[in-house]
Amino acid sequence: MLGGISIWQLLIVLGIIILIFGTKKLRNVGSDLGGAVKGFKKAVNEDEDKSEEAKPQAQVRHDETDTPNNTYDVEAERKPESSDERK
């Protein structure tokens, strides 16, 4: 494989990192990183919950003048026709 990293190269790099830092320090770094990711996910979920609560809900008013046959004006964009649809 030209330019790729094989599994053996990754194992050698991992071995060198373990020799330099030691397993205890790597375990602490791993747990700290896991805690940081968990905290980040929790904060994102809390923020999404707060934003959903803050969104105004659409309300439909029913007056005495409303009838079941009311019509509403809406604007819609037309999809451009392709050359196949014109035939």
PDB file of N, CA and C in Angstrom:
ATOM      1  N   MET A   1       0.838  -1.177   0.000  1.00  0.00           N
ATOM      2  CA  MET A   1       0.000   0.000   0.000  1.00  0.00           C
ATOM      3  C   MET A   1       0.883   1.239   0.000  1.00  0.00           C
ATOM      4  N   LEU A   2       0.775   2.017  -0.994  1.00  0.00           N
ATOM      5  CA  LEU A   2       1.604   3.195  -1.120  1.00  0.00           C
ATOM      6  C   LEU A   2       0.963   4.376  -0.392  1.00  0.00           C
ATOM      7  N   GLY A   3       1.641   4.921   0.606  1.00  0.00           N
ATOM      8  CA  GLY A   3       1.148   6.103   1.300  1.00  0.00           C
ATOM      9  C   GLY A   3       0.172   5.815   2.419  1.00  0.00           C
ATOM     10  N   GLY A   4      -0.190   4.559   2.629  1.00  0.00           N
ATOM     11  CA  GLY A   4      -1.125   4.214   3.687  1.00  0.00           C
ATOM     12  C   GLY A   4      -0.389   3.782   4.941  1.00  0.00           C
ATOM     13  N   ILE A   5      -1.111   3.720   6.026  1.00  0.00           N
ATOM     14  CA  ILE A   5      -0.527   3.276   7.288  1.00  0.00           C
ATOM     15  C   ILE A   5      -1.046   1.879   7.571  1.00  0.00           C
ATOM     16  N   SER A   6      -0.121   0.941   7.763  1.00  0.00           N
ATOM     17  CA  SER A   6      -0.531  -0.429   8.037  1.00  0.00           C
ATOM     18  C   SER A   6      -0.733  -0.635   9.532  1.00  0.00           C
ATOM     19  N   ILE A   7      -1.297  -1.769   9.894  1.00  0.00           N
ATOM     20  CA  ILE A   7      -1.551  -2.091  11.294  1.00  0.00           C
ATOM     21  C   ILE A   7      -0.239  -2.209  12.064  1.00  0.00           C
ATOM     22  N   TRP A   8       0.825  -2.699  11.392  1.00  0.00           N
ATOM     23  CA  TRP A   8       2.120  -2.848  12.068  1.00  0.00           C
ATOM     24  C   TRP A   8       2.707  -1.494  12.419  1.00  0.00           C
ATOM     25  N   GLN A   9       2.564  -0.530  11.556  1.00  0.00           N
ATOM     26  CA  GLN A   9       3.067   0.811  11.857  1.00  0.00           C
ATOM     27  C   GLN A   9       2.310   1.421  13.031  1.00  0.00           C
ATOM     28  N   LEU A  10       0.996   1.196  13.091  1.00  0.00           N
ATOM     29  CA  LEU A  10       0.211   1.707  14.216  1.00  0.00           C
ATOM     30  C   LEU A  10       0.624   1.044  15.527  1.00  0.00           C
ATOM     31  N   LEU A  11       0.881  -0.259  15.503  1.00  0.00           N
ATOM     32  CA  LEU A  11       1.310  -0.963  16.706  1.00  0.00           C
ATOM     33  C   LEU A  11       2.667  -0.477  17.196  1.00  0.00           C
ATOM     34  N   ILE A  12       3.580  -0.203  16.278  1.00  0.00           N
ATOM     35  CA  ILE A  12       4.895   0.325  16.655  1.00  0.00           C
ATOM     36  C   ILE A  12       4.753   1.703  17.297  1.00  0.00           C
ATOM     37  N   VAL A  13       3.931   2.570  16.711  1.00  0.00           N
ATOM     38  CA  VAL A  13       3.708   3.900  17.281  1.00  0.00           C
ATOM     39  C   VAL A  13       3.067   3.789  18.649  1.00  0.00           C
ATOM     40  N   LEU A  14       2.092   2.900  18.816  1.00  0.00           N
ATOM     41  CA  LEU A  14       1.448   2.686  20.100  1.00  0.00           C
ATOM     42  C   LEU A  14       2.445   2.195  21.142  1.00  0.00           C
ATOM     43  N   GLY A  15       3.329   1.271  20.754  1.00  0.00           N
ATOM     44  CA  GLY A  15       4.362   0.780  21.669  1.00  0.00           C
ATOM     45  C   GLY A  15       5.300   1.881  22.123  1.00  0.00           C
ATOM     46  N   ILE A  16       5.697   2.749  21.216  1.00  0.00           N
ATOM     47  CA  ILE A  16       6.583   3.867  21.565  1.00  0.00           C
ATOM     48  C   ILE A  16       5.880   4.827  22.520  1.00  0.00           C
ATOM     49  N   ILE A  17       4.598   5.103  22.277  1.00  0.00           N
ATOM     50  CA  ILE A  17       3.837   6.002  23.154  1.00  0.00           C
ATOM     51  C   ILE A  17       3.720   5.399  24.551  1.00  0.00           C
ATOM     52  N   ILE A  18       3.489   4.088  24.629  1.00  0.00           N
ATOM     53  CA  ILE A  18       3.398   3.431  25.943  1.00  0.00           C
ATOM     54  C   ILE A  18       4.738   3.501  26.671  1.00  0.00           C
ATOM     55  N   LEU A  19       5.830   3.314  25.941  1.00  0.00           N
ATOM     56  CA  LEU A  19       7.146   3.405  26.572  1.00  0.00           C
ATOM     57  C   LEU A  19       7.435   4.813  27.088  1.00  0.00           C
ATOM     58  N   ILE A  20       7.018   5.823  26.358  1.00  0.00           N
ATOM     59  CA  ILE A  20       7.307   7.207  26.751  1.00  0.00           C
ATOM     60  C   ILE A  20       6.438   7.630  27.930  1.00  0.00           C
ATOM     61  N   PHE A  21       5.128   7.403  27.847  1.00  0.00           N
ATOM     62  CA  PHE A  21       4.202   7.932  28.850  1.00  0.00           C
ATOM     63  C   PHE A  21       3.849   6.933  29.945  1.00  0.00           C
ATOM     64  N   GLY A  22       3.857   5.669  29.657  1.00  0.00           N
ATOM     65  CA  GLY A  22       3.464   4.661  30.634  1.00  0.00           C
ATOM     66  C   GLY A  22       1.963   4.424  30.592  1.00  0.00           C
ATOM     67  N   THR A  23       1.551   3.240  31.022  1.00  0.00           N
ATOM     68  CA  THR A  23       0.142   2.868  30.926  1.00  0.00           C
ATOM     69  C   THR A  23      -0.723   3.634  31.921  1.00  0.00           C
ATOM     70  N   LYS A  24      -0.184   3.945  33.104  1.00  0.00           N
ATOM     71  CA  LYS A  24      -0.980   4.642  34.120  1.00  0.00           C
ATOM     72  C   LYS A  24      -1.367   6.039  33.639  1.00  0.00           C
ATOM     73  N   LYS A  25      -0.419   6.760  33.072  1.00  0.00           N
ATOM     74  CA  LYS A  25      -0.708   8.113  32.594  1.00  0.00           C
ATOM     75  C   LYS A  25      -1.663   8.070  31.403  1.00  0.00           C
ATOM     76  N   LEU A  26      -1.485   7.084  30.512  1.00  0.00           N
ATOM     77  CA  LEU A  26      -2.395   6.962  29.366  1.00  0.00           C
ATOM     78  C   LEU A  26      -3.805   6.620  29.823  1.00  0.00           C
ATOM     79  N   ARG A  27      -3.931   5.793  30.872  1.00  0.00           N
ATOM     80  CA  ARG A  27      -5.247   5.454  31.402  1.00  0.00           C
ATOM     81  C   ARG A  27      -5.920   6.707  31.968  1.00  0.00           C
ATOM     82  N   ASN A  28      -5.164   7.530  32.669  1.00  0.00           N
ATOM     83  CA  ASN A  28      -5.719   8.775  33.219  1.00  0.00           C
ATOM     84  C   ASN A  28      -6.148   9.727  32.104  1.00  0.00           C
ATOM     85  N   VAL A  29      -5.338   9.820  31.063  1.00  0.00           N
ATOM     86  CA  VAL A  29      -5.680  10.683  29.929  1.00  0.00           C
ATOM     87  C   VAL A  29      -6.947  10.171  29.256  1.00  0.00           C
ATOM     88  N   GLY A  30      -7.065   8.857  29.117  1.00  0.00           N
ATOM     89  CA  GLY A  30      -8.248   8.266  28.494  1.00  0.00           C
ATOM     90  C   GLY A  30      -9.507   8.528  29.298  1.00  0.00           C
ATOM     91  N   SER A  31      -9.427   8.383  30.614  1.00  0.00           N
ATOM     92  CA  SER A  31     -10.610   8.625  31.440  1.00  0.00           C
ATOM     93  C   SER A  31     -10.976  10.100  31.458  1.00  0.00           C
ATOM     94  N   ASP A  32      -9.966  10.974  31.466  1.00  0.00           N
ATOM     95  CA  ASP A  32     -10.245  12.413  31.409  1.00  0.00           C
ATOM     96  C   ASP A  32     -10.909  12.792  30.090  1.00  0.00           C
ATOM     97  N   LEU A  33     -10.410  12.213  29.008  1.00  0.00           N
ATOM     98  CA  LEU A  33     -10.980  12.496  27.693  1.00  0.00           C
ATOM     99  C   LEU A  33     -12.412  11.976  27.610  1.00  0.00           C
ATOM    100  N   GLY A  34     -12.658  10.773  28.153  1.00  0.00           N
ATOM    101  CA  GLY A  34     -14.012  10.220  28.163  1.00  0.00           C
ATOM    102  C   GLY A  34     -14.972  11.081  28.975  1.00  0.00           C
ATOM    103  N   GLY A  35     -14.511  11.586  30.125  1.00  0.00           N
ATOM    104  CA  GLY A  35     -15.343  12.461  30.953  1.00  0.00           C
ATOM    105  C   GLY A  35     -15.651  13.772  30.250  1.00  0.00           C
ATOM    106  N   ALA A  36     -14.660  14.299  29.530  1.00  0.00           N
ATOM    107  CA  ALA A  36     -14.876  15.550  28.801  1.00  0.00           C
ATOM    108  C   ALA A  36     -15.904  15.359  27.688  1.00  0.00           C
ATOM    109  N   VAL A  37     -15.830  14.246  26.969  1.00  0.00           N
ATOM    110  CA  VAL A  37     -16.786  13.979  25.894  1.00  0.00           C
ATOM    111  C   VAL A  37     -18.188  13.803  26.469  1.00  0.00           C
ATOM    112  N   LYS A  38     -18.292  13.084  27.597  1.00  0.00           N
ATOM    113  CA  LYS A  38     -19.593  12.877  28.239  1.00  0.00           C
ATOM    114  C   LYS A  38     -20.182  14.210  28.693  1.00  0.00           C
ATOM    115  N   GLY A  39     -19.352  15.080  29.284  1.00  0.00           N
ATOM    116  CA  GLY A  39     -19.825  16.399  29.704  1.00  0.00           C
ATOM    117  C   GLY A  39     -20.270  17.255  28.533  1.00  0.00           C
ATOM    118  N   PHE A  40     -19.542  17.166  27.433  1.00  0.00           N
ATOM    119  CA  PHE A  40     -19.899  17.929  26.238  1.00  0.00           C
ATOM    120  C   PHE A  40     -21.247  17.477  25.687  1.00  0.00           C
ATOM    121  N   LYS A  41     -21.460  16.164  25.603  1.00  0.00           N
ATOM    122  CA  LYS A  41     -22.734  15.640  25.105  1.00  0.00           C
ATOM    123  C   LYS A  41     -23.887  16.065  26.006  1.00  0.00           C
ATOM    124  N   LYS A  42     -23.655  16.024  27.325  1.00  0.00           N
ATOM    125  CA  LYS A  42     -24.694  16.413  28.271  1.00  0.00           C
ATOM    126  C   LYS A  42     -25.051  17.887  28.095  1.00  0.00           C
ATOM    127  N   ALA A  43     -24.032  18.739  27.914  1.00  0.00           N
ATOM    128  CA  ALA A  43     -24.282  20.168  27.732  1.00  0.00           C
ATOM    129  C   ALA A  43     -25.033  20.440  26.432  1.00  0.00           C
ATOM    130  N   VAL A  44     -24.696  19.721  25.376  1.00  0.00           N
ATOM    131  CA  VAL A  44     -25.376  19.904  24.091  1.00  0.00           C
ATOM    132  C   VAL A  44     -26.838  19.491  24.216  1.00  0.00           C
ATOM    133  N   ASN A  45     -27.094  18.359  24.880  1.00  0.00           N
ATOM    134  CA  ASN A  45     -28.477  17.897  25.041  1.00  0.00           C
ATOM    135  C   ASN A  45     -29.285  18.865  25.897  1.00  0.00           C
ATOM    136  N   GLU A  46     -28.692  19.401  26.957  1.00  0.00           N
ATOM    137  CA  GLU A  46     -29.398  20.375  27.797  1.00  0.00           C
ATOM    138  C   GLU A  46     -29.710  21.639  27.009  1.00  0.00           C
ATOM    139  N   ASP A  47     -28.762  22.064  26.178  1.00  0.00           N
ATOM    140  CA  ASP A  47     -28.969  23.270  25.370  1.00  0.00           C
ATOM    141  C   ASP A  47     -30.086  23.059  24.360  1.00  0.00           C
ATOM    142  N   GLU A  48     -30.152  21.861  23.756  1.00  0.00           N
ATOM    143  CA  GLU A  48     -31.224  21.569  22.804  1.00  0.00           C
ATOM    144  C   GLU A  48     -32.575  21.546  23.508  1.00  0.00           C
ATOM    145  N   ASP A  49     -32.616  20.988  24.714  1.00  0.00           N
ATOM    146  CA  ASP A  49     -33.869  20.950  25.467  1.00  0.00           C
ATOM    147  C   ASP A  49     -34.348  22.360  25.796  1.00  0.00           C
ATOM    148  N   LYS A  50     -33.427  23.227  26.191  1.00  0.00           N
ATOM    149  CA  LYS A  50     -33.795  24.611  26.514  1.00  0.00           C
ATOM    150  C   LYS A  50     -34.283  25.352  25.283  1.00  0.00           C
ATOM    151  N   SER A  51     -33.638  25.111  24.130  1.00  0.00           N
ATOM    152  CA  SER A  51     -34.054  25.814  22.915  1.00  0.00           C
ATOM    153  C   SER A  51     -35.423  25.329  22.447  1.00  0.00           C
ATOM    154  N   GLU A  52     -35.736  24.050  22.657  1.00  0.00           N
ATOM    155  CA  GLU A  52     -37.056  23.543  22.276  1.00  0.00           C
ATOM    156  C   GLU A  52     -38.140  24.133  23.173  1.00  0.00           C
ATOM    157  N   GLU A  53     -37.832  24.324  24.452  1.00  0.00           N
ATOM    158  CA  GLU A  53     -38.799  24.919  25.365  1.00  0.00           C
ATOM    159  C   GLU A  53     -39.030  26.392  25.044  1.00  0.00           C
ATOM    160  N   ALA A  54     -38.005  27.066  24.526  1.00  0.00           N
ATOM    161  CA  ALA A  54     -38.108  28.490  24.258  1.00  0.00           C
ATOM    162  C   ALA A  54     -38.812  28.803  22.943  1.00  0.00           C
ATOM    163  N   LYS A  55     -38.964  27.806  22.063  1.00  0.00           N
ATOM    164  CA  LYS A  55     -39.607  28.048  20.776  1.00  0.00           C
ATOM    165  C   LYS A  55     -41.079  28.363  20.991  1.00  0.00           C
ATOM    166  N   PRO A  56     -41.559  29.415  20.355  1.00  0.00           N
ATOM    167  CA  PRO A  56     -42.991  29.711  20.479  1.00  0.00           C
ATOM    168  C   PRO A  56     -43.796  28.685  19.699  1.00  0.00           C
ATOM    169  N   GLN A  57     -44.867  28.261  20.284  1.00  0.00           N
ATOM    170  CA  GLN A  57     -45.736  27.296  19.631  1.00  0.00           C
ATOM    171  C   GLN A  57     -46.737  28.042  18.754  1.00  0.00           C
ATOM    172  N   ALA A  58     -46.998  27.496  17.583  1.00  0.00           N
ATOM    173  CA  ALA A  58     -47.979  28.094  16.683  1.00  0.00           C
ATOM    174  C   ALA A  58     -49.358  27.915  17.283  1.00  0.00           C
ATOM    175  N   GLN A  59     -50.098  28.991  17.309  1.00  0.00           N
ATOM    176  CA  GLN A  59     -51.437  28.925  17.860  1.00  0.00           C
ATOM    177  C   GLN A  59     -52.437  29.323  16.786  1.00  0.00           C
ATOM    178  N   VAL A  60     -53.511  28.588  16.738  1.00  0.00           N
ATOM    179  CA  VAL A  60     -54.577  28.880  15.785  1.00  0.00           C
ATOM    180  C   VAL A  60     -55.725  29.487  16.568  1.00  0.00           C
ATOM    181  N   ARG A  61     -56.136  30.663  16.143  1.00  0.00           N
ATOM    182  CA  ARG A  61     -57.263  31.311  16.807  1.00  0.00           C
ATOM    183  C   ARG A  61     -58.540  30.956  16.074  1.00  0.00           C
ATOM    184  N   HIS A  62     -59.542  30.624  16.825  1.00  0.00           N
ATOM    185  CA  HIS A  62     -60.844  30.337  16.242  1.00  0.00           C
ATOM    186  C   HIS A  62     -61.806  31.421  16.701  1.00  0.00           C
ATOM    187  N   ASP A  63     -62.219  32.227  15.764  1.00  0.00           N
ATOM    188  CA  ASP A  63     -63.186  33.280  16.064  1.00  0.00           C
ATOM    189  C   ASP A  63     -64.582  32.780  15.740  1.00  0.00           C
ATOM    190  N   GLU A  64     -65.549  33.556  16.132  1.00  0.00           N
ATOM    191  CA  GLU A  64     -66.930  33.194  15.831  1.00  0.00           C
ATOM    192  C   GLU A  64     -67.200  33.254  14.330  1.00  0.00           C
ATOM    193  N   THR A  65     -66.364  34.024  13.603  1.00  0.00           N
ATOM    194  CA  THR A  65     -66.573  34.170  12.161  1.00  0.00           C
ATOM    195  C   THR A  65     -65.920  33.045  11.376  1.00  0.00           C
ATOM    196  N   ASP A  66     -65.090  32.221  12.047  1.00  0.00           N
ATOM    197  CA  ASP A  66     -64.434  31.128  11.330  1.00  0.00           C
ATOM    198  C   ASP A  66     -65.467  30.097  10.901  1.00  0.00           C
ATOM    199  N   THR A  67     -65.328  29.687   9.675  1.00  0.00           N
ATOM    200  CA  THR A  67     -66.182  28.619   9.168  1.00  0.00           C
ATOM    201  C   THR A  67     -65.280  27.496   8.686  1.00  0.00           C
ATOM    202  N   PRO A  68     -65.784  26.302   8.570  1.00  0.00           N
ATOM    203  CA  PRO A  68     -64.939  25.191   8.120  1.00  0.00           C
ATOM    204  C   PRO A  68     -64.401  25.375   6.709  1.00  0.00           C
ATOM    205  N   ASN A  69     -64.973  26.268   5.927  1.00  0.00           N
ATOM    206  CA  ASN A  69     -64.551  26.429   4.543  1.00  0.00           C
ATOM    207  C   ASN A  69     -63.649  27.636   4.343  1.00  0.00           C
ATOM    208  N   ASN A  70     -62.986  28.114   5.388  1.00  0.00           N
ATOM    209  CA  ASN A  70     -62.061  29.241   5.227  1.00  0.00           C
ATOM    210  C   ASN A  70     -60.920  28.837   4.312  1.00  0.00           C
ATOM    211  N   THR A  71     -60.441  29.790   3.537  1.00  0.00           N
ATOM    212  CA  THR A  71     -59.282  29.548   2.693  1.00  0.00           C
ATOM    213  C   THR A  71     -58.153  30.442   3.168  1.00  0.00           C
ATOM    214  N   TYR A  72     -56.951  30.016   2.919  1.00  0.00           N
ATOM    215  CA  TYR A  72     -55.770  30.751   3.346  1.00  0.00           C
ATOM    216  C   TYR A  72     -54.894  31.000   2.138  1.00  0.00           C
ATOM    217  N   ASP A  73     -54.318  32.188   2.060  1.00  0.00           N
ATOM    218  CA  ASP A  73     -53.412  32.520   0.972  1.00  0.00           C
ATOM    219  C   ASP A  73     -52.014  32.051   1.330  1.00  0.00           C
ATOM    220  N   VAL A  74     -51.415  31.316   0.428  1.00  0.00           N
ATOM    221  CA  VAL A  74     -50.040  30.862   0.617  1.00  0.00           C
ATOM    222  C   VAL A  74     -49.300  31.056  -0.689  1.00  0.00           C
ATOM    223  N   GLU A  75     -47.989  31.234  -0.565  1.00  0.00           N
ATOM    224  CA  GLU A  75     -47.162  31.365  -1.751  1.00  0.00           C
ATOM    225  C   GLU A  75     -46.342  30.100  -1.897  1.00  0.00           C
ATOM    226  N   ALA A  76     -46.277  29.598  -3.100  1.00  0.00           N
ATOM    227  CA  ALA A  76     -45.494  28.397  -3.369  1.00  0.00           C
ATOM    228  C   ALA A  76     -44.627  28.664  -4.583  1.00  0.00           C
ATOM    229  N   GLU A  77     -43.439  28.112  -4.533  1.00  0.00           N
ATOM    230  CA  GLU A  77     -42.550  28.260  -5.682  1.00  0.00           C
ATOM    231  C   GLU A  77     -42.782  27.088  -6.616  1.00  0.00           C
ATOM    232  N   ARG A  78     -42.784  27.403  -7.900  1.00  0.00           N
ATOM    233  CA  ARG A  78     -42.942  26.335  -8.876  1.00  0.00           C
ATOM    234  C   ARG A  78     -41.590  25.721  -9.146  1.00  0.00           C
ATOM    235  N   LYS A  79     -41.604  24.437  -9.278  1.00  0.00           N
ATOM    236  CA  LYS A  79     -40.391  23.721  -9.599  1.00  0.00           C
ATOM    237  C   LYS A  79     -40.143  23.866 -11.099  1.00  0.00           C
ATOM    238  N   PRO A  80     -38.921  24.249 -11.485  1.00  0.00           N
ATOM    239  CA  PRO A  80     -38.653  24.395 -12.922  1.00  0.00           C
ATOM    240  C   PRO A  80     -38.813  23.051 -13.637  1.00  0.00           C
ATOM    241  N   GLU A  81     -39.447  23.117 -14.764  1.00  0.00           N
ATOM    242  CA  GLU A  81     -39.669  21.901 -15.511  1.00  0.00           C
ATOM    243  C   GLU A  81     -38.398  21.511 -16.264  1.00  0.00           C
ATOM    244  N   SER A  82     -38.111  20.250 -16.257  1.00  0.00           N
ATOM    245  CA  SER A  82     -36.962  19.783 -17.029  1.00  0.00           C
ATOM    246  C   SER A  82     -37.424  19.499 -18.458  1.00  0.00           C
ATOM    247  N   SER A  83     -36.490  19.293 -19.334  1.00  0.00           N
ATOM    248  CA  SER A  83     -36.847  19.066 -20.733  1.00  0.00           C
ATOM    249  C   SER A  83     -37.606  17.759 -20.900  1.00  0.00           C
ATOM    250  N   ASP A  84     -37.413  16.788 -20.012  1.00  0.00           N
ATOM    251  CA  ASP A  84     -38.108  15.503 -20.112  1.00  0.00           C
ATOM    252  C   ASP A  84     -39.581  15.674 -19.771  1.00  0.00           C
ATOM    253  N   GLU A  85     -39.929  16.544 -18.829  1.00  0.00           N
ATOM    254  CA  GLU A  85     -41.306  16.715 -18.389  1.00  0.00           C
ATOM    255  C   GLU A  85     -42.139  17.499 -19.398  1.00  0.00           C
ATOM    256  N   ARG A  86     -41.509  18.290 -20.241  1.00  0.00           N
ATOM    257  CA  ARG A  86     -42.238  19.115 -21.208  1.00  0.00           C
ATOM    258  C   ARG A  86     -42.750  18.289 -22.382  1.00  0.00           C
ATOM    259  N   LYS A  87     -42.201  17.148 -22.634  1.00  0.00           N
ATOM    260  CA  LYS A  87     -42.575  16.344 -23.797  1.00  0.00           C
ATOM    261  C   LYS A  87     -43.901  15.701 -23.642  1.00  0.00           C
TER     262      LYS A  87
END
